[in-house]
């Protein structure tokens, strides 16, 4: 799933839990699913942050080099 799809599912889970209509067993399952989705989202964000950091470092090295090299 994409990051956006995961966030959408997380929003659905929160809505269901906040509705007060879910029974305890369902709330437990939803909470577990939400926790797993949250982990996936954080991992995706951290991966993207790492890629951006590498790209910024590469760009900084290019900018620091004299044009005649």
PDB file of N, CA and C in Angstrom:
ATOM      1  N   UNK A   1       0.844  -1.192   0.000  1.00  0.00           N
ATOM      2  CA  UNK A   1       0.000   0.000   0.000  1.00  0.00           C
ATOM      3  C   UNK A   1       0.883   1.248   0.000  1.00  0.00           C
ATOM      4  N   UNK A   2       0.386   2.274  -0.618  1.00  0.00           N
ATOM      5  CA  UNK A   2       1.117   3.532  -0.614  1.00  0.00           C
ATOM      6  C   UNK A   2       0.935   4.235   0.734  1.00  0.00           C
ATOM      7  N   UNK A   3       1.767   5.226   0.983  1.00  0.00           N
ATOM      8  CA  UNK A   3       1.667   5.999   2.218  1.00  0.00           C
ATOM      9  C   UNK A   3       0.272   6.606   2.347  1.00  0.00           C
ATOM     10  N   UNK A   4      -0.221   7.152   1.269  1.00  0.00           N
ATOM     11  CA  UNK A   4      -1.525   7.801   1.282  1.00  0.00           C
ATOM     12  C   UNK A   4      -2.646   6.805   1.587  1.00  0.00           C
ATOM     13  N   UNK A   5      -2.533   5.604   1.030  1.00  0.00           N
ATOM     14  CA  UNK A   5      -3.531   4.569   1.304  1.00  0.00           C
ATOM     15  C   UNK A   5      -3.493   4.133   2.767  1.00  0.00           C
ATOM     16  N   UNK A   6      -2.288   4.035   3.308  1.00  0.00           N
ATOM     17  CA  UNK A   6      -2.143   3.666   4.716  1.00  0.00           C
ATOM     18  C   UNK A   6      -2.753   4.730   5.625  1.00  0.00           C
ATOM     19  N   UNK A   7      -2.502   5.987   5.313  1.00  0.00           N
ATOM     20  CA  UNK A   7      -3.068   7.074   6.118  1.00  0.00           C
ATOM     21  C   UNK A   7      -4.591   7.058   6.030  1.00  0.00           C
ATOM     22  N   UNK A   8      -5.119   6.806   4.837  1.00  0.00           N
ATOM     23  CA  UNK A   8      -6.573   6.738   4.676  1.00  0.00           C
ATOM     24  C   UNK A   8      -7.153   5.612   5.530  1.00  0.00           C
ATOM     25  N   UNK A   9      -6.519   4.448   5.505  1.00  0.00           N
ATOM     26  CA  UNK A   9      -6.989   3.318   6.321  1.00  0.00           C
ATOM     27  C   UNK A   9      -6.916   3.663   7.807  1.00  0.00           C
ATOM     28  N   UNK A  10      -5.842   4.331   8.201  1.00  0.00           N
ATOM     29  CA  UNK A  10      -5.702   4.741   9.596  1.00  0.00           C
ATOM     30  C   UNK A  10      -6.829   5.691  10.001  1.00  0.00           C
ATOM     31  N   UNK A  11      -7.187   6.604   9.113  1.00  0.00           N
ATOM     32  CA  UNK A  11      -8.307   7.510   9.378  1.00  0.00           C
ATOM     33  C   UNK A  11      -9.618   6.739   9.529  1.00  0.00           C
ATOM     34  N   UNK A  12      -9.814   5.717   8.693  1.00  0.00           N
ATOM     35  CA  UNK A  12     -11.014   4.887   8.793  1.00  0.00           C
ATOM     36  C   UNK A  12     -11.058   4.164  10.144  1.00  0.00           C
ATOM     37  N   UNK A  13      -9.919   3.663  10.561  1.00  0.00           N
ATOM     38  CA  UNK A  13      -9.841   2.963  11.848  1.00  0.00           C
ATOM     39  C   UNK A  13     -10.189   3.906  12.993  1.00  0.00           C
ATOM     40  N   UNK A  14      -9.616   5.095  12.966  1.00  0.00           N
ATOM     41  CA  UNK A  14      -9.891   6.075  14.024  1.00  0.00           C
ATOM     42  C   UNK A  14     -11.375   6.431  14.052  1.00  0.00           C
ATOM     43  N   UNK A  15     -11.946   6.654  12.882  1.00  0.00           N
ATOM     44  CA  UNK A  15     -13.380   6.972  12.800  1.00  0.00           C
ATOM     45  C   UNK A  15     -14.229   5.864  13.423  1.00  0.00           C
ATOM     46  N   UNK A  16     -13.907   4.635  13.069  1.00  0.00           N
ATOM     47  CA  UNK A  16     -14.667   3.490  13.583  1.00  0.00           C
ATOM     48  C   UNK A  16     -14.540   3.389  15.099  1.00  0.00           C
ATOM     49  N   UNK A  17     -13.326   3.586  15.592  1.00  0.00           N
ATOM     50  CA  UNK A  17     -13.115   3.490  17.030  1.00  0.00           C
ATOM     51  C   UNK A  17     -13.803   4.633  17.778  1.00  0.00           C
ATOM     52  N   UNK A  18     -13.776   5.814  17.193  1.00  0.00           N
ATOM     53  CA  UNK A  18     -14.391   6.971  17.846  1.00  0.00           C
ATOM     54  C   UNK A  18     -15.914   6.950  17.750  1.00  0.00           C
ATOM     55  N   UNK A  19     -16.455   6.171  16.833  1.00  0.00           N
ATOM     56  CA  UNK A  19     -17.908   6.135  16.651  1.00  0.00           C
ATOM     57  C   UNK A  19     -18.629   5.544  17.855  1.00  0.00           C
ATOM     58  N   UNK A  20     -17.923   4.736  18.615  1.00  0.00           N
ATOM     59  CA  UNK A  20     -18.534   4.089  19.763  1.00  0.00           C
ATOM     60  C   UNK A  20     -19.373   2.876  19.396  1.00  0.00           C
ATOM     61  N   UNK A  21     -19.405   2.532  18.118  1.00  0.00           N
ATOM     62  CA  UNK A  21     -20.214   1.405  17.658  1.00  0.00           C
ATOM     63  C   UNK A  21     -19.452   0.080  17.700  1.00  0.00           C
ATOM     64  N   UNK A  22     -18.137   0.137  17.736  1.00  0.00           N
ATOM     65  CA  UNK A  22     -17.339  -1.085  17.710  1.00  0.00           C
ATOM     66  C   UNK A  22     -17.329  -1.730  19.095  1.00  0.00           C
ATOM     67  N   UNK A  23     -17.443  -3.047  19.090  1.00  0.00           N
ATOM     68  CA  UNK A  23     -17.362  -3.792  20.346  1.00  0.00           C
ATOM     69  C   UNK A  23     -15.898  -3.931  20.741  1.00  0.00           C
ATOM     70  N   UNK A  24     -15.669  -4.320  21.983  1.00  0.00           N
ATOM     71  CA  UNK A  24     -14.322  -4.377  22.539  1.00  0.00           C
ATOM     72  C   UNK A  24     -13.381  -5.226  21.695  1.00  0.00           C
ATOM     73  N   UNK A  25     -13.833  -6.380  21.246  1.00  0.00           N
ATOM     74  CA  UNK A  25     -12.996  -7.252  20.436  1.00  0.00           C
ATOM     75  C   UNK A  25     -12.584  -6.564  19.134  1.00  0.00           C
ATOM     76  N   UNK A  26     -13.540  -5.879  18.511  1.00  0.00           N
ATOM     77  CA  UNK A  26     -13.237  -5.165  17.263  1.00  0.00           C
ATOM     78  C   UNK A  26     -12.292  -4.003  17.531  1.00  0.00           C
ATOM     79  N   UNK A  27     -12.507  -3.289  18.633  1.00  0.00           N
ATOM     80  CA  UNK A  27     -11.622  -2.174  18.985  1.00  0.00           C
ATOM     81  C   UNK A  27     -10.197  -2.674  19.160  1.00  0.00           C
ATOM     82  N   UNK A  28     -10.044  -3.826  19.808  1.00  0.00           N
ATOM     83  CA  UNK A  28      -8.720  -4.404  20.008  1.00  0.00           C
ATOM     84  C   UNK A  28      -8.052  -4.709  18.673  1.00  0.00           C
ATOM     85  N   UNK A  29      -8.796  -5.308  17.751  1.00  0.00           N
ATOM     86  CA  UNK A  29      -8.255  -5.622  16.427  1.00  0.00           C
ATOM     87  C   UNK A  29      -7.920  -4.346  15.656  1.00  0.00           C
ATOM     88  N   UNK A  30      -8.809  -3.377  15.719  1.00  0.00           N
ATOM     89  CA  UNK A  30      -8.572  -2.111  15.026  1.00  0.00           C
ATOM     90  C   UNK A  30      -7.343  -1.400  15.579  1.00  0.00           C
ATOM     91  N   UNK A  31      -7.207  -1.417  16.901  1.00  0.00           N
ATOM     92  CA  UNK A  31      -6.056  -0.764  17.526  1.00  0.00           C
ATOM     93  C   UNK A  31      -4.754  -1.429  17.074  1.00  0.00           C
ATOM     94  N   UNK A  32      -4.754  -2.763  17.044  1.00  0.00           N
ATOM     95  CA  UNK A  32      -3.565  -3.492  16.599  1.00  0.00           C
ATOM     96  C   UNK A  32      -3.231  -3.167  15.147  1.00  0.00           C
ATOM     97  N   UNK A  33      -4.253  -3.140  14.302  1.00  0.00           N
ATOM     98  CA  UNK A  33      -4.039  -2.803  12.890  1.00  0.00           C
ATOM     99  C   UNK A  33      -3.522  -1.370  12.762  1.00  0.00           C
ATOM    100  N   UNK A  34      -4.111  -0.469  13.530  1.00  0.00           N
ATOM    101  CA  UNK A  34      -3.673   0.924  13.504  1.00  0.00           C
ATOM    102  C   UNK A  34      -2.233   1.083  13.943  1.00  0.00           C
ATOM    103  N   UNK A  35      -1.841   0.332  14.970  1.00  0.00           N
ATOM    104  CA  UNK A  35      -0.456   0.388  15.451  1.00  0.00           C
ATOM    105  C   UNK A  35       0.504  -0.102  14.373  1.00  0.00           C
ATOM    106  N   UNK A  36       0.128  -1.171  13.679  1.00  0.00           N
ATOM    107  CA  UNK A  36       0.976  -1.708  12.612  1.00  0.00           C
ATOM    108  C   UNK A  36       1.082  -0.712  11.447  1.00  0.00           C
ATOM    109  N   UNK A  37      -0.027  -0.107  11.087  1.00  0.00           N
ATOM    110  CA  UNK A  37      -0.016   0.887  10.015  1.00  0.00           C
ATOM    111  C   UNK A  37       0.851   2.077  10.409  1.00  0.00           C
ATOM    112  N   UNK A  38       0.757   2.495  11.653  1.00  0.00           N
ATOM    113  CA  UNK A  38       1.576   3.614  12.135  1.00  0.00           C
ATOM    114  C   UNK A  38       3.060   3.283  12.007  1.00  0.00           C
ATOM    115  N   UNK A  39       3.445   2.066  12.363  1.00  0.00           N
ATOM    116  CA  UNK A  39       4.847   1.635  12.217  1.00  0.00           C
ATOM    117  C   UNK A  39       5.275   1.707  10.754  1.00  0.00           C
ATOM    118  N   UNK A  40       4.403   1.215   9.869  1.00  0.00           N
ATOM    119  CA  UNK A  40       4.726   1.242   8.437  1.00  0.00           C
ATOM    120  C   UNK A  40       4.901   2.673   7.940  1.00  0.00           C
ATOM    121  N   UNK A  41       4.030   3.561   8.387  1.00  0.00           N
ATOM    122  CA  UNK A  41       4.113   4.962   7.961  1.00  0.00           C
ATOM    123  C   UNK A  41       5.411   5.604   8.450  1.00  0.00           C
ATOM    124  N   UNK A  42       5.751   5.368   9.714  1.00  0.00           N
ATOM    125  CA  UNK A  42       6.997   5.925  10.242  1.00  0.00           C
ATOM    126  C   UNK A  42       8.198   5.377   9.481  1.00  0.00           C
ATOM    127  N   UNK A  43       8.166   4.080   9.141  1.00  0.00           N
ATOM    128  CA  UNK A  43       9.267   3.498   8.391  1.00  0.00           C
ATOM    129  C   UNK A  43       9.374   4.140   7.012  1.00  0.00           C
ATOM    130  N   UNK A  44       8.247   4.339   6.363  1.00  0.00           N
ATOM    131  CA  UNK A  44       8.256   4.994   5.044  1.00  0.00           C
ATOM    132  C   UNK A  44       8.803   6.412   5.148  1.00  0.00           C
ATOM    133  N   UNK A  45       8.381   7.142   6.167  1.00  0.00           N
ATOM    134  CA  UNK A  45       8.870   8.510   6.362  1.00  0.00           C
ATOM    135  C   UNK A  45      10.367   8.521   6.639  1.00  0.00           C
ATOM    136  N   UNK A  46      10.835   7.598   7.472  1.00  0.00           N
ATOM    137  CA  UNK A  46      12.265   7.532   7.767  1.00  0.00           C
ATOM    138  C   UNK A  46      13.070   7.163   6.533  1.00  0.00           C
ATOM    139  N   UNK A  47      12.561   6.225   5.727  1.00  0.00           N
ATOM    140  CA  UNK A  47      13.243   5.845   4.489  1.00  0.00           C
ATOM    141  C   UNK A  47      13.346   7.043   3.547  1.00  0.00           C
ATOM    142  N   UNK A  48      12.258   7.781   3.413  1.00  0.00           N
ATOM    143  CA  UNK A  48      12.241   8.952   2.543  1.00  0.00           C
ATOM    144  C   UNK A  48      13.194  10.018   3.072  1.00  0.00           C
ATOM    145  N   UNK A  49      13.191  10.211   4.376  1.00  0.00           N
ATOM    146  CA  UNK A  49      14.101  11.189   4.980  1.00  0.00           C
ATOM    147  C   UNK A  49      15.554  10.813   4.682  1.00  0.00           C
ATOM    148  N   UNK A  50      15.866   9.525   4.786  1.00  0.00           N
ATOM    149  CA  UNK A  50      17.224   9.062   4.483  1.00  0.00           C
ATOM    150  C   UNK A  50      17.608   9.321   3.037  1.00  0.00           C
ATOM    151  N   UNK A  51      16.686   9.048   2.132  1.00  0.00           N
ATOM    152  CA  UNK A  51      16.961   9.282   0.714  1.00  0.00           C
ATOM    153  C   UNK A  51      17.174  10.766   0.434  1.00  0.00           C
ATOM    154  N   UNK A  52      16.364  11.606   1.055  1.00  0.00           N
ATOM    155  CA  UNK A  52      16.502  13.050   0.864  1.00  0.00           C
ATOM    156  C   UNK A  52      17.834  13.526   1.423  1.00  0.00           C
ATOM    157  N   UNK A  53      18.231  12.996   2.572  1.00  0.00           N
ATOM    158  CA  UNK A  53      19.512  13.377   3.173  1.00  0.00           C
ATOM    159  C   UNK A  53      20.663  13.030   2.244  1.00  0.00           C
ATOM    160  N   UNK A  54      20.626  11.824   1.675  1.00  0.00           N
ATOM    161  CA  UNK A  54      21.683  11.400   0.748  1.00  0.00           C
ATOM    162  C   UNK A  54      21.704  12.314  -0.472  1.00  0.00           C
ATOM    163  N   UNK A  55      20.555  12.602  -1.035  1.00  0.00           N
ATOM    164  CA  UNK A  55      20.489  13.478  -2.209  1.00  0.00           C
ATOM    165  C   UNK A  55      20.999  14.882  -1.894  1.00  0.00           C
ATOM    166  N   UNK A  56      20.645  15.393  -0.726  1.00  0.00           N
ATOM    167  CA  UNK A  56      21.117  16.737  -0.346  1.00  0.00           C
ATOM    168  C   UNK A  56      22.632  16.756  -0.196  1.00  0.00           C
ATOM    169  N   UNK A  57      23.178  15.682   0.390  1.00  0.00           N
ATOM    170  CA  UNK A  57      24.637  15.605   0.542  1.00  0.00           C
ATOM    171  C   UNK A  57      25.318  15.536  -0.818  1.00  0.00           C
ATOM    172  N   UNK A  58      24.746  14.748  -1.730  1.00  0.00           N
ATOM    173  CA  UNK A  58      25.306  14.653  -3.083  1.00  0.00           C
ATOM    174  C   UNK A  58      25.237  15.994  -3.801  1.00  0.00           C
ATOM    175  N   UNK A  59      24.133  16.690  -3.642  1.00  0.00           N
ATOM    176  CA  UNK A  59      23.985  18.007  -4.266  1.00  0.00           C
ATOM    177  C   UNK A  59      24.968  19.008  -3.664  1.00  0.00           C
ATOM    178  N   UNK A  60      25.175  18.940  -2.376  1.00  0.00           N
ATOM    179  CA  UNK A  60      26.118  19.847  -1.718  1.00  0.00           C
ATOM    180  C   UNK A  60      27.532  19.612  -2.242  1.00  0.00           C
ATOM    181  N   UNK A  61      27.908  18.347  -2.458  1.00  0.00           N
ATOM    182  CA  UNK A  61      29.232  18.037  -3.000  1.00  0.00           C
ATOM    183  C   UNK A  61      29.384  18.592  -4.414  1.00  0.00           C
ATOM    184  N   UNK A  62      28.316  18.496  -5.203  1.00  0.00           N
ATOM    185  CA  UNK A  62      28.372  19.022  -6.572  1.00  0.00           C
ATOM    186  C   UNK A  62      28.542  20.540  -6.570  1.00  0.00           C
ATOM    187  N   UNK A  63      27.875  21.193  -5.655  1.00  0.00           N
ATOM    188  CA  UNK A  63      27.944  22.647  -5.573  1.00  0.00           C
ATOM    189  C   UNK A  63      29.327  23.100  -5.109  1.00  0.00           C
ATOM    190  N   UNK A  64      29.955  22.305  -4.237  1.00  0.00           N
ATOM    191  CA  UNK A  64      31.264  22.654  -3.693  1.00  0.00           C
ATOM    192  C   UNK A  64      32.396  22.482  -4.716  1.00  0.00           C
ATOM    193  N   UNK A  65      32.215  21.623  -5.712  1.00  0.00           N
ATOM    194  CA  UNK A  65      33.261  21.375  -6.709  1.00  0.00           C
ATOM    195  C   UNK A  65      33.408  22.571  -7.628  1.00  0.00           C
ATOM    196  N   UNK A  66      34.647  22.920  -7.972  1.00  0.00           N
ATOM    197  CA  UNK A  66      34.848  23.968  -8.979  1.00  0.00           C
ATOM    198  C   UNK A  66      34.308  23.487 -10.335  1.00  0.00           C
ATOM    199  N   UNK A  67      33.889  24.388 -11.157  1.00  0.00           N
ATOM    200  CA  UNK A  67      33.298  24.045 -12.440  1.00  0.00           C
ATOM    201  C   UNK A  67      34.270  23.372 -13.399  1.00  0.00           C
ATOM    202  N   UNK A  68      35.558  23.621 -13.268  1.00  0.00           N
ATOM    203  CA  UNK A  68      36.524  23.056 -14.224  1.00  0.00           C
ATOM    204  C   UNK A  68      36.918  21.627 -13.902  1.00  0.00           C
ATOM    205  N   UNK A  69      36.384  21.005 -12.880  1.00  0.00           N
ATOM    206  CA  UNK A  69      36.724  19.598 -12.567  1.00  0.00           C
ATOM    207  C   UNK A  69      35.826  18.656 -13.291  1.00  0.00           C
TER     208      UNK A  69
END
